[in-house]
C-alpha atoms as a PDB file:
ATOM      1  CA  MET A   1       0.000   0.000   0.000  1.00  0.00           C
ATOM      2  CA  ASN A   2       1.405   3.397  -1.014  1.00  0.00           C
ATOM      3  CA  LYS A   3       1.987   5.867   1.807  1.00  0.00           C
ATOM      4  CA  GLN A   4       1.355   9.584   2.026  1.00  0.00           C
ATOM      5  CA  PRO A   5       4.286  11.665   3.294  1.00  0.00           C
ATOM      6  CA  VAL A   6       4.722  13.508   6.560  1.00  0.00           C
ATOM      7  CA  VAL A   7       5.454  17.119   5.589  1.00  0.00           C
ATOM      8  CA  ILE A   8       7.154  19.096   8.359  1.00  0.00           C
ATOM      9  CA  LEU A   9       6.916  22.873   8.140  1.00  0.00           C
ATOM     10  CA  GLY A  10       7.036  26.035  10.201  1.00  0.00           C
ATOM     11  CA  MET A  11       8.877  29.314  10.505  1.00  0.00           C
ATOM     12  CA  HIS A  12      12.665  29.085  10.458  1.00  0.00           C
ATOM     13  CA  ARG A  13      14.224  28.531  13.907  1.00  0.00           C
ATOM     14  CA  SER A  14      10.963  27.117  15.287  1.00  0.00           C
ATOM     15  CA  GLY A  15      12.329  23.701  16.212  1.00  0.00           C
ATOM     16  CA  THR A  16      11.578  21.928  12.937  1.00  0.00           C
ATOM     17  CA  THR A  17      15.107  20.514  12.776  1.00  0.00           C
ATOM     18  CA  MET A  18      14.820  19.101  16.301  1.00  0.00           C
ATOM     19  CA  ILE A  19      11.430  17.529  15.542  1.00  0.00           C
ATOM     20  CA  THR A  20      12.676  16.069  12.251  1.00  0.00           C
ATOM     21  CA  LYS A  21      15.741  14.484  13.829  1.00  0.00           C
ATOM     22  CA  ILE A  22      13.640  12.975  16.597  1.00  0.00           C
ATOM     23  CA  LEU A  23      11.120  11.574  14.122  1.00  0.00           C
ATOM     24  CA  GLU A  24      13.924  10.148  12.006  1.00  0.00           C
ATOM     25  CA  ASN A  25      15.381   8.385  15.032  1.00  0.00           C
ATOM     26  CA  LEU A  26      11.895   7.090  15.859  1.00  0.00           C
ATOM     27  CA  GLY A  27      11.539   5.480  12.442  1.00  0.00           C
ATOM     28  CA  LEU A  28      10.414   8.117   9.921  1.00  0.00           C
ATOM     29  CA  TYR A  29      12.460   8.096   6.725  1.00  0.00           C
ATOM     30  CA  VAL A  30      13.410  11.700   5.869  1.00  0.00           C
ATOM     31  CA  GLY A  31      15.874  11.226   3.033  1.00  0.00           C
ATOM     32  CA  GLU A  32      19.376  10.017   2.241  1.00  0.00           C
ATOM     33  CA  GLU A  33      21.079  13.275   1.246  1.00  0.00           C
ATOM     34  CA  LYS A  34      20.331  16.224   3.529  1.00  0.00           C
ATOM     35  CA  GLU A  35      21.658  19.746   3.867  1.00  0.00           C
ATOM     36  CA  GLU A  36      22.944  21.258   7.105  1.00  0.00           C
ATOM     37  CA  ASN A  37      19.486  21.863   8.591  1.00  0.00           C
ATOM     38  CA  HIS A  38      18.399  18.260   8.014  1.00  0.00           C
ATOM     39  CA  GLU A  39      16.320  19.088   4.954  1.00  0.00           C
ATOM     40  CA  ALA A  40      16.246  16.426   2.237  1.00  0.00           C
ATOM     41  CA  LEU A  41      18.143  17.868  -0.713  1.00  0.00           C
ATOM     42  CA  PHE A  42      15.684  16.438  -3.235  1.00  0.00           C
ATOM     43  CA  PHE A  43      12.762  18.447  -1.860  1.00  0.00           C
ATOM     44  CA  TRP A  44      14.871  21.402  -0.679  1.00  0.00           C
ATOM     45  CA  GLU A  45      16.273  22.049  -4.156  1.00  0.00           C
ATOM     46  CA  ILE A  46      12.895  21.705  -5.845  1.00  0.00           C
ATOM     47  CA  ASN A  47      11.268  24.029  -3.312  1.00  0.00           C
ATOM     48  CA  ASN A  48      14.036  26.549  -4.034  1.00  0.00           C
ATOM     49  CA  TRP A  49      13.240  26.221  -7.742  1.00  0.00           C
ATOM     50  CA  ILE A  50       9.543  26.831  -7.118  1.00  0.00           C
ATOM     51  CA  PHE A  51      10.417  29.940  -5.105  1.00  0.00           C
ATOM     52  CA  ASP A  52      12.701  31.142  -7.906  1.00  0.00           C
ATOM     53  CA  LEU A  53       9.880  30.783 -10.433  1.00  0.00           C
ATOM     54  CA  HIS A  54       7.879  33.199  -8.298  1.00  0.00           C
ATOM     55  CA  THR A  55      10.868  35.539  -7.757  1.00  0.00           C
ATOM     56  CA  ALA A  56      10.513  34.744  -4.065  1.00  0.00           C
ATOM     57  CA  ARG A  57      13.005  33.833  -1.354  1.00  0.00           C
ATOM     58  CA  PRO A  58      12.589  32.177   2.053  1.00  0.00           C
ATOM     59  CA  GLU A  59      12.819  35.553   3.795  1.00  0.00           C
ATOM     60  CA  LEU A  60      10.646  37.163   1.092  1.00  0.00           C
ATOM     61  CA  PRO A  61       7.804  34.647   0.481  1.00  0.00           C
ATOM     62  CA  HIS A  62       5.238  37.312  -0.417  1.00  0.00           C
ATOM     63  CA  ASN A  63       5.287  36.601  -4.167  1.00  0.00           C
ATOM     64  CA  MET A  64       4.262  32.974  -3.634  1.00  0.00           C
ATOM     65  CA  GLN A  65       0.660  34.148  -3.396  1.00  0.00           C
ATOM     66  CA  PHE A  66       0.768  35.433  -6.987  1.00  0.00           C
ATOM     67  CA  THR A  67       1.030  32.118  -8.788  1.00  0.00           C
ATOM     68  CA  ASN A  68      -1.069  31.777 -11.933  1.00  0.00           C
ATOM     69  CA  PRO A  69      -2.693  28.805 -13.707  1.00  0.00           C
ATOM     70  CA  LYS A  70       0.084  28.429 -16.266  1.00  0.00           C
ATOM     71  CA  THR A  71       2.848  28.537 -13.677  1.00  0.00           C
ATOM     72  CA  LYS A  72       0.922  26.060 -11.558  1.00  0.00           C
ATOM     73  CA  GLN A  73       0.622  23.729 -14.541  1.00  0.00           C
ATOM     74  CA  ILE A  74       4.341  23.973 -15.288  1.00  0.00           C
ATOM     75  CA  ILE A  75       5.272  23.234 -11.684  1.00  0.00           C
ATOM     76  CA  GLU A  76       2.892  20.291 -11.305  1.00  0.00           C
ATOM     77  CA  GLU A  77       4.048  18.726 -14.585  1.00  0.00           C
ATOM     78  CA  SER A  78       7.646  19.179 -13.452  1.00  0.00           C
ATOM     79  CA  LEU A  79       6.995  17.617 -10.046  1.00  0.00           C
ATOM     80  CA  GLN A  80       5.498  14.592 -11.774  1.00  0.00           C
ATOM     81  CA  TYR A  81       8.713  14.334 -13.752  1.00  0.00           C
ATOM     82  CA  PHE A  82      11.034  14.896 -10.776  1.00  0.00           C
ATOM     83  CA  VAL A  83       9.524  12.171  -8.557  1.00  0.00           C
ATOM     84  CA  GLN A  84      10.202   9.617 -11.311  1.00  0.00           C
ATOM     85  CA  SER A  85      13.529  10.977 -12.540  1.00  0.00           C
ATOM     86  CA  PRO A  86      17.079   9.901 -11.588  1.00  0.00           C
ATOM     87  CA  ARG A  87      17.104  12.930  -9.265  1.00  0.00           C
ATOM     88  CA  LYS A  88      15.014  10.954  -6.772  1.00  0.00           C
ATOM     89  CA  LYS A  89      18.145   8.974  -5.823  1.00  0.00           C
ATOM     90  CA  LYS A  90      19.138  11.976  -3.706  1.00  0.00           C
ATOM     91  CA  TYR A  91      16.177  11.152  -1.525  1.00  0.00           C
ATOM     92  CA  LEU A  92      16.115   7.359  -1.708  1.00  0.00           C
ATOM     93  CA  GLY A  93      19.825   6.539  -1.809  1.00  0.00           C
ATOM     94  CA  SER A  94      20.314   2.772  -2.049  1.00  0.00           C
ATOM     95  CA  LEU A  95      16.520   2.301  -2.100  1.00  0.00           C
ATOM     96  CA  ASN A  96      16.275   4.064  -5.452  1.00  0.00           C
ATOM     97  CA  THR A  97      16.345   0.911  -7.573  1.00  0.00           C
ATOM     98  CA  ASN A  98      13.354  -0.490  -5.664  1.00  0.00           C
ATOM     99  CA  TYR A  99      10.927   2.273  -6.658  1.00  0.00           C
ATOM    100  CA  GLN A 100      10.113   3.814 -10.024  1.00  0.00           C
ATOM    101  CA  SER A 101       8.524   6.835  -8.370  1.00  0.00           C
ATOM    102  CA  LEU A 102       8.298   8.467  -4.954  1.00  0.00           C
ATOM    103  CA  GLN A 103       4.546   8.051  -5.329  1.00  0.00           C
ATOM    104  CA  ALA A 104       5.062   4.301  -4.980  1.00  0.00           C
ATOM    105  CA  LEU A 105       6.750   4.396  -1.565  1.00  0.00           C
ATOM    106  CA  ASP A 106       5.242   1.882   0.833  1.00  0.00           C
ATOM    107  CA  PHE A 107       6.998   2.892   4.064  1.00  0.00           C
ATOM    108  CA  ASN A 108       6.649   5.856   6.429  1.00  0.00           C
ATOM    109  CA  PHE A 109       8.487   8.792   4.911  1.00  0.00           C
ATOM    110  CA  GLY A 110       8.495  12.557   4.831  1.00  0.00           C
ATOM    111  CA  TRP A 111      10.634  15.644   4.656  1.00  0.00           C
ATOM    112  CA  LYS A 112      11.211  18.941   6.399  1.00  0.00           C
ATOM    113  CA  ASP A 113      11.528  22.395   4.887  1.00  0.00           C
ATOM    114  CA  PRO A 114      10.088  25.707   6.129  1.00  0.00           C
ATOM    115  CA  LYS A 115       9.350  26.522   2.479  1.00  0.00           C
ATOM    116  CA  ASN A 116       6.817  23.665   2.486  1.00  0.00           C
ATOM    117  CA  THR A 117       4.523  26.247   4.085  1.00  0.00           C
ATOM    118  CA  PHE A 118       4.198  27.932   0.703  1.00  0.00           C
ATOM    119  CA  THR A 119       4.843  25.053  -1.720  1.00  0.00           C
ATOM    120  CA  LEU A 120       2.590  22.376  -0.216  1.00  0.00           C
ATOM    121  CA  GLU A 121      -0.284  23.105  -2.585  1.00  0.00           C
ATOM    122  CA  PHE A 122       1.966  22.185  -5.518  1.00  0.00           C
ATOM    123  CA  TRP A 123       3.156  18.992  -3.838  1.00  0.00           C
ATOM    124  CA  LYS A 124      -0.448  17.944  -3.259  1.00  0.00           C
ATOM    125  CA  SER A 125      -0.680  17.282  -6.995  1.00  0.00           C
ATOM    126  CA  ILE A 126       1.742  14.402  -6.294  1.00  0.00           C
ATOM    127  CA  PHE A 127       0.732  13.517  -2.729  1.00  0.00           C
ATOM    128  CA  PRO A 128      -2.946  14.498  -2.406  1.00  0.00           C
ATOM    129  CA  ASN A 129      -3.358  13.676   1.302  1.00  0.00           C
ATOM    130  CA  PRO A 130      -0.112  14.584   3.068  1.00  0.00           C
ATOM    131  CA  LYS A 131       0.247  14.497   6.830  1.00  0.00           C
ATOM    132  CA  ILE A 132       1.222  17.997   7.915  1.00  0.00           C
ATOM    133  CA  ILE A 133       3.211  18.714  11.075  1.00  0.00           C
ATOM    134  CA  HIS A 134       3.309  22.439  11.809  1.00  0.00           C
ATOM    135  CA  VAL A 135       5.946  23.325  14.389  1.00  0.00           C
ATOM    136  CA  TYR A 136       5.601  26.805  15.849  1.00  0.00           C
ATOM    137  CA  ARG A 137       7.516  28.778  18.458  1.00  0.00           C
ATOM    138  CA  ASN A 138       7.069  32.164  20.089  1.00  0.00           C
ATOM    139  CA  PRO A 139       8.104  34.895  17.629  1.00  0.00           C
ATOM    140  CA  ILE A 140      10.799  36.549  19.713  1.00  0.00           C
ATOM    141  CA  ASP A 141      12.887  33.398  20.073  1.00  0.00           C
ATOM    142  CA  CYS A 142      12.428  32.646  16.349  1.00  0.00           C
ATOM    143  CA  ILE A 143      13.456  36.138  15.308  1.00  0.00           C
ATOM    144  CA  SER A 144      16.363  36.546  17.703  1.00  0.00           C
ATOM    145  CA  SER A 145      17.762  33.134  16.839  1.00  0.00           C
ATOM    146  CA  TYR A 146      17.522  33.919  13.135  1.00  0.00           C
ATOM    147  CA  ILE A 147      19.164  37.335  13.467  1.00  0.00           C
ATOM    148  CA  GLU A 148      21.898  36.446  15.941  1.00  0.00           C
ATOM    149  CA  ARG A 149      22.984  33.201  14.301  1.00  0.00           C
ATOM    150  CA  ASP A 150      22.120  32.780  10.643  1.00  0.00           C
ATOM    151  CA  LEU A 151      21.869  36.348   9.473  1.00  0.00           C
ATOM    152  CA  VAL A 152      24.941  37.686  11.208  1.00  0.00           C
ATOM    153  CA  MET A 153      26.962  34.831   9.744  1.00  0.00           C
ATOM    154  CA  LYS A 154      25.553  35.151   6.235  1.00  0.00           C
ATOM    155  CA  ASN A 155      25.940  38.921   6.089  1.00  0.00           C
ATOM    156  CA  GLN A 156      29.669  38.758   6.742  1.00  0.00           C
ATOM    157  CA  PHE A 157      30.704  39.596   3.206  1.00  0.00           C
ATOM    158  CA  GLN A 158      34.294  39.009   2.122  1.00  0.00           C
ATOM    159  CA  TRP A 159      35.748  39.192  -1.352  1.00  0.00           C
ATOM    160  CA  ASP A 160      37.109  35.999  -2.867  1.00  0.00           C
ATOM    161  CA  TRP A 161      37.922  34.978  -6.423  1.00  0.00           C
ATOM    162  CA  LYS A 162      34.479  33.489  -7.000  1.00  0.00           C
ATOM    163  CA  LYS A 163      32.720  36.713  -6.045  1.00  0.00           C
ATOM    164  CA  LYS A 164      35.074  38.731  -8.213  1.00  0.00           C
ATOM    165  CA  VAL A 165      34.306  36.479 -11.211  1.00  0.00           C
ATOM    166  CA  LYS A 166      30.575  36.842 -10.553  1.00  0.00           C
ATOM    167  CA  ARG A 167      30.931  40.603 -10.329  1.00  0.00           C
ATOM    168  CA  ARG A 168      32.817  40.680 -13.629  1.00  0.00           C
ATOM    169  CA  PHE A 169      30.021  38.856 -15.434  1.00  0.00           C
ATOM    170  CA  LEU A 170      27.203  40.509 -13.457  1.00  0.00           C
ATOM    171  CA  ILE A 171      26.162  37.223 -11.882  1.00  0.00           C
ATOM    172  CA  THR A 172      24.109  37.962  -8.787  1.00  0.00           C
ATOM    173  CA  HIS A 173      23.036  34.483  -7.665  1.00  0.00           C
ATOM    174  CA  LYS A 174      24.594  33.935  -4.219  1.00  0.00           C
ATOM    175  CA  PHE A 175      26.950  36.859  -4.796  1.00  0.00           C
ATOM    176  CA  ASN A 176      25.861  38.197  -1.439  1.00  0.00           C
ATOM    177  CA  TYR A 177      22.980  37.668   0.945  1.00  0.00           C
ATOM    178  CA  ASN A 178      20.522  40.533   1.287  1.00  0.00           C
ATOM    179  CA  PHE A 179      18.218  39.494   4.064  1.00  0.00           C
ATOM    180  CA  ARG A 180      14.985  41.147   4.992  1.00  0.00           C
ATOM    181  CA  LEU A 181      15.519  40.140   8.605  1.00  0.00           C
ATOM    182  CA  TYR A 182      17.649  43.043   9.753  1.00  0.00           C
ATOM    183  CA  ASN A 183      15.517  44.036  12.748  1.00  0.00           C
ATOM    184  CA  LEU A 184      12.862  42.698  15.086  1.00  0.00           C
ATOM    185  CA  GLU A 185       9.965  44.436  13.339  1.00  0.00           C
ATOM    186  CA  GLN A 186      10.750  42.876   9.963  1.00  0.00           C
ATOM    187  CA  GLY A 187      11.386  39.525  11.611  1.00  0.00           C
ATOM    188  CA  TYR A 188       8.034  39.615  13.349  1.00  0.00           C
ATOM    189  CA  GLN A 189       6.255  40.344  10.073  1.00  0.00           C
ATOM    190  CA  LEU A 190       7.994  37.353   8.507  1.00  0.00           C
ATOM    191  CA  TRP A 191       6.985  35.153  11.454  1.00  0.00           C
ATOM    192  CA  GLN A 192       3.371  36.254  10.959  1.00  0.00           C
ATOM    193  CA  GLU A 193       3.500  35.361   7.251  1.00  0.00           C
ATOM    194  CA  TYR A 194       4.785  31.843   7.887  1.00  0.00           C
ATOM    195  CA  VAL A 195       2.647  31.040  10.898  1.00  0.00           C
ATOM    196  CA  GLN A 196      -0.612  32.387   9.480  1.00  0.00           C
ATOM    197  CA  LYS A 197      -0.055  30.560   6.194  1.00  0.00           C
ATOM    198  CA  ALA A 198       0.683  27.324   8.057  1.00  0.00           C
ATOM    199  CA  ILE A 199      -2.452  27.718  10.167  1.00  0.00           C
ATOM    200  CA  ASP A 200      -4.512  28.345   7.032  1.00  0.00           C
ATOM    201  CA  LEU A 201      -3.331  25.020   5.606  1.00  0.00           C
ATOM    202  CA  GLN A 202      -5.432  23.250   8.210  1.00  0.00           C
ATOM    203  CA  LYS A 203      -8.630  24.403   6.500  1.00  0.00           C
ATOM    204  CA  ASP A 204      -8.092  22.108   3.515  1.00  0.00           C
ATOM    205  CA  ASN A 205      -6.081  19.320   5.150  1.00  0.00           C
ATOM    206  CA  SER A 206      -7.619  16.875   7.612  1.00  0.00           C
ATOM    207  CA  ASN A 207      -4.265  15.266   8.476  1.00  0.00           C
ATOM    208  CA  TYR A 208      -2.786  18.161  10.439  1.00  0.00           C
ATOM    209  CA  LEU A 209      -0.842  18.197  13.703  1.00  0.00           C
ATOM    210  CA  ALA A 210       0.301  21.406  15.392  1.00  0.00           C
ATOM    211  CA  ILE A 211       3.296  21.165  17.729  1.00  0.00           C
ATOM    212  CA  GLN A 212       4.070  24.098  20.000  1.00  0.00           C
ATOM    213  CA  TYR A 213       7.814  24.156  20.599  1.00  0.00           C
ATOM    214  CA  GLU A 214       7.551  25.257  24.237  1.00  0.00           C
ATOM    215  CA  GLN A 215       4.906  22.646  25.069  1.00  0.00           C
ATOM    216  CA  PHE A 216       7.043  19.981  23.424  1.00  0.00           C
ATOM    217  CA  LEU A 217       9.973  20.909  25.662  1.00  0.00           C
ATOM    218  CA  LYS A 218       7.725  20.922  28.725  1.00  0.00           C
ATOM    219  CA  GLN A 219       6.023  17.575  28.091  1.00  0.00           C
ATOM    220  CA  PRO A 220       8.070  15.687  25.486  1.00  0.00           C
ATOM    221  CA  GLU A 221       6.624  12.305  26.459  1.00  0.00           C
ATOM    222  CA  ILE A 222       3.064  13.402  25.644  1.00  0.00           C
ATOM    223  CA  GLU A 223       4.012  15.290  22.476  1.00  0.00           C
ATOM    224  CA  ILE A 224       6.112  12.424  21.139  1.00  0.00           C
ATOM    225  CA  GLN A 225       3.238  10.022  21.624  1.00  0.00           C
ATOM    226  CA  LYS A 226       1.039  12.369  19.597  1.00  0.00           C
ATOM    227  CA  MET A 227       3.584  12.394  16.793  1.00  0.00           C
ATOM    228  CA  LEU A 228       4.024   8.632  16.846  1.00  0.00           C
ATOM    229  CA  ALA A 229       0.284   8.073  16.473  1.00  0.00           C
ATOM    230  CA  PHE A 230       0.071  10.721  13.765  1.00  0.00           C
ATOM    231  CA  CYS A 231       2.980   9.286  11.769  1.00  0.00           C
ATOM    232  CA  ASN A 232       2.056   5.640  12.421  1.00  0.00           C
ATOM    233  CA  LEU A 233       5.416   4.836  14.033  1.00  0.00           C
ATOM    234  CA  SER A 234       6.033   2.120  16.626  1.00  0.00           C
ATOM    235  CA  PRO A 235       9.529   2.392  18.114  1.00  0.00           C
ATOM    236  CA  SER A 236      10.531   0.676  21.337  1.00  0.00           C
ATOM    237  CA  GLU A 237      10.216   2.416  24.698  1.00  0.00           C
ATOM    238  CA  GLN A 238      14.001   2.435  24.929  1.00  0.00           C
ATOM    239  CA  VAL A 239      14.319   4.362  21.668  1.00  0.00           C
ATOM    240  CA  ILE A 240      11.628   6.823  22.768  1.00  0.00           C
ATOM    241  CA  GLN A 241      13.423   7.463  26.068  1.00  0.00           C
ATOM    242  CA  GLN A 242      16.705   7.986  24.254  1.00  0.00           C
ATOM    243  CA  GLN A 243      15.102  10.763  22.233  1.00  0.00           C
ATOM    244  CA  ILE A 244      13.538  12.357  25.305  1.00  0.00           C
ATOM    245  CA  ASN A 245      16.946  12.453  26.927  1.00  0.00           C
ATOM    246  CA  THR A 246      18.313  14.598  24.079  1.00  0.00           C
ATOM    247  CA  ILE A 247      15.812  17.432  24.605  1.00  0.00           C
ATOM    248  CA  GLN A 248      17.086  20.688  26.117  1.00  0.00           C
ATOM    249  CA  LYS A 249      14.147  21.965  28.134  1.00  0.00           C
ATOM    250  CA  ASP A 250      15.834  25.261  29.039  1.00  0.00           C
ATOM    251  CA  ARG A 251      15.418  26.541  25.450  1.00  0.00           C
ATOM    252  CA  ALA A 252      11.806  27.551  26.072  1.00  0.00           C
ATOM    253  CA  TYR A 253      11.319  31.329  26.168  1.00  0.00           C
ATOM    254  CA  ALA A 254      15.040  32.022  25.996  1.00  0.00           C
ATOM    255  CA  PHE A 255      14.412  35.687  25.161  1.00  0.00           C
ATOM    256  CA  VAL A 256      13.071  36.668  28.615  1.00  0.00           C
ATOM    257  CA  SER A 257      16.585  37.358  29.928  1.00  0.00           C
ATOM    258  CA  ASN A 258      17.178  40.011  27.247  1.00  0.00           C
ATOM    259  CA  GLU A 259      15.698  43.421  28.070  1.00  0.00           C
ATOM    260  CA  LYS A 260      15.570  44.553  24.432  1.00  0.00           C
ATOM    261  CA  TYR A 261      13.622  41.473  23.404  1.00  0.00           C
ATOM    262  CA  VAL A 262      11.255  41.745  26.354  1.00  0.00           C
ATOM    263  CA  ASP A 263      10.535  45.366  25.474  1.00  0.00           C
ATOM    264  CA  PHE A 264       9.696  44.380  21.904  1.00  0.00           C
ATOM    265  CA  TYR A 265       7.489  41.561  23.137  1.00  0.00           C
ATOM    266  CA  GLN A 266       5.467  44.085  25.137  1.00  0.00           C
ATOM    267  CA  THR A 267       4.635  45.906  21.873  1.00  0.00           C
ATOM    268  CA  ILE A 268       3.187  42.804  20.195  1.00  0.00           C
ATOM    269  CA  LYS A 269       1.758  40.739  23.063  1.00  0.00           C
ATOM    270  CA  ASN A 270      -1.812  41.903  22.374  1.00  0.00           C
ATOM    271  CA  ASP A 271      -1.754  41.032  18.660  1.00  0.00           C
ATOM    272  CA  LYS A 272      -4.433  38.595  17.510  1.00  0.00           C
ATOM    273  CA  LEU A 273      -2.064  35.851  16.348  1.00  0.00           C
ATOM    274  CA  ILE A 274      -0.088  36.036  19.597  1.00  0.00           C
ATOM    275  CA  GLY A 275      -3.246  35.399  21.583  1.00  0.00           C
ATOM    276  CA  GLN A 276      -4.447  32.703  19.219  1.00  0.00           C
ATOM    277  CA  LEU A 277      -1.256  30.729  19.907  1.00  0.00           C
ATOM    278  CA  ASP A 278      -1.380  31.437  23.677  1.00  0.00           C
ATOM    279  CA  TYR A 279       1.722  33.602  23.801  1.00  0.00           C
ATOM    280  CA  GLN A 280       0.054  36.681  25.278  1.00  0.00           C
ATOM    281  CA  ASN A 281       1.271  36.181  28.868  1.00  0.00           C
ATOM    282  CA  ILE A 282       4.892  35.069  28.521  1.00  0.00           C
ATOM    283  CA  VAL A 283       6.163  38.088  30.456  1.00  0.00           C
END
C-alpha cells in the first residue's frame, strides 16, 4: 500500500530541525542526502526552484501568493517528472532501484523544509493527502535566533575569487545575501506570514498536527506520543526514552533574559495571532 508523506513545516528557527531528527530516530524516513538543517536535498532544491519561479526567497515569500494557472501547470508537470527521474536517488539513496517513483513508496516517509509552508499546494498534486506537522515557536525566540545566528553569519561579506568572477560577469546568484531580517519588526512580520499561512493550511487538510515548541519541551513524552500516532510509528520504549533524553528543556522562552527582546514583546503581546497561539502572557 502506497503511503502519504509527513510534511514538516514552520517558521525558520521554530524547532523543525529538532522535531525532524527525533522523528527520524523514531523510524520516519526523511531522506538520504540532507543539507545542514536536516532538509532532504531532493525536496529542498525543488522548493528553491519553485520559489525562484515566483521571484521569491525564504525571507521574502510574499510573491508565492501570486502564482497563476500556467505557472501552476508547469510546476505540477515538473513535479510529476522529478519524482520519477534519476534525481530521486538523492532522496532514496540505495533504495532508489526499488521504486520507479516516490509516489510508490510503501513505508513511512516525509521531509522537512520551512518553504513547504508555501509550496505544499503544488506537492499535493503528487501527494494528495499529506500528513502535515506544523511546528511553531514564540516569535521573539524565532526572530532573535535567526538574526543572531544565521543572518549575522551570512551577512559577513568578504571578497574571494568566485565573487570577483561573478561581479565581472554581473552574476548575482549567491553573490551576497541581502536578508529582509535586519531588525525585530521585519522579523516579526515574517513570522506572521509563515505562521498564518501554516495555520490556514489546516482548512483544507484533515491530516494536520500542530506542535508548539515550548509545550514539546515541557512535556516531550506526551508530544512524542502524539507524533508517533500521527505518523504511524512504533519504536521501542528504549528508543523513545533515548530521544527524550536529548531534549534541552531550558530553550523555552530564551528571550526573557534580554531586556531589548522583552521590550519588543510588550509591543506585540496583544496582537491577535499572539493570543491565538497562547503567547500573550509570557512576560
